[in-house]
């Protein structure tokens, strides 16, 4: 498995590829494959994914208890 570099970045490490904030404006920047993402954008992405899961989960029909018994 490929390791991603992770840690507190300096200004020399540039800006978040998503929001454009400098490393000095955020807690952490993660860099991989030429893209950089700050902790704030990671949080926004996690919220969006969680919202999608909640939407899908409410549409899932779970079998009634005992329906799988023959």
Protein backbone atom coordinates (compact mmCIF):
# COMPACT_ATOMS: atom_id res chain seq x y z
CA UNK A 1 0.00 0.00 0.00
CA UNK A 2 1.25 3.46 -0.84
CA UNK A 3 1.89 5.85 2.03
CA UNK A 4 0.57 9.39 1.94
CA UNK A 5 2.59 12.18 3.44
CA UNK A 6 0.81 13.74 6.34
CA UNK A 7 1.70 16.39 8.85
CA UNK A 8 1.65 20.08 9.62
CA UNK A 9 2.63 21.82 6.45
CA UNK A 10 4.57 25.02 6.05
CA UNK A 11 3.84 27.88 3.68
CA UNK A 12 6.35 26.33 1.31
CA UNK A 13 3.96 23.41 0.88
CA UNK A 14 1.45 25.64 -0.87
CA UNK A 15 -2.29 25.85 -0.68
CA UNK A 16 -5.23 23.48 -0.45
CA UNK A 17 -6.19 22.37 -3.96
CA UNK A 18 -9.89 22.63 -3.02
CA UNK A 19 -10.39 25.89 -1.07
CA UNK A 20 -7.09 27.62 -1.78
CA UNK A 21 -6.25 28.32 1.86
CA UNK A 22 -2.57 28.51 2.74
CA UNK A 23 -1.02 25.97 5.09
CA UNK A 24 -0.67 28.72 7.71
CA UNK A 25 -4.46 29.21 7.73
CA UNK A 26 -5.38 25.61 8.54
CA UNK A 27 -4.38 22.94 11.04
CA UNK A 28 -3.09 20.40 8.52
CA UNK A 29 -2.63 19.82 4.80
CA UNK A 30 -2.47 16.30 3.40
CA UNK A 31 -0.72 15.84 0.07
CA UNK A 32 -0.88 12.95 -2.39
CA UNK A 33 -0.60 12.52 -6.15
CA UNK A 34 -0.06 16.23 -6.74
CA UNK A 35 -3.21 17.34 -4.89
CA UNK A 36 -3.39 18.91 -1.45
CA UNK A 37 -6.38 19.02 0.89
CA UNK A 38 -6.73 20.82 4.21
CA UNK A 39 -8.42 19.47 7.33
CA UNK A 40 -11.36 21.85 6.80
CA UNK A 41 -12.08 20.47 3.32
CA UNK A 42 -11.70 16.91 4.60
CA UNK A 43 -14.36 17.74 7.19
CA UNK A 44 -16.69 19.16 4.54
CA UNK A 45 -16.19 16.06 2.39
CA UNK A 46 -16.90 13.77 5.34
CA UNK A 47 -20.13 15.70 6.03
CA UNK A 48 -21.23 15.38 2.39
CA UNK A 49 -20.56 11.63 2.38
CA UNK A 50 -22.40 11.20 5.71
CA UNK A 51 -25.40 13.11 4.30
CA UNK A 52 -25.48 10.82 1.26
CA UNK A 53 -25.33 7.72 3.48
CA UNK A 54 -28.24 9.04 5.57
CA UNK A 55 -30.31 9.67 2.42
CA UNK A 56 -29.62 6.17 1.12
CA UNK A 57 -30.17 4.52 4.49
CA UNK A 58 -33.65 6.02 4.93
CA UNK A 59 -34.69 4.55 1.54
CA UNK A 60 -33.44 1.04 2.37
CA UNK A 61 -36.19 -1.41 3.24
CA UNK A 62 -35.09 -3.82 5.91
CA UNK A 63 -36.90 -7.16 6.14
CA UNK A 64 -39.27 -7.66 9.03
CA UNK A 65 -37.99 -9.93 11.75
CA UNK A 66 -38.91 -13.49 10.91
CA UNK A 67 -39.38 -12.90 7.13
CA UNK A 68 -36.31 -14.98 6.33
CA UNK A 69 -37.53 -17.98 8.29
CA UNK A 70 -39.06 -20.83 6.30
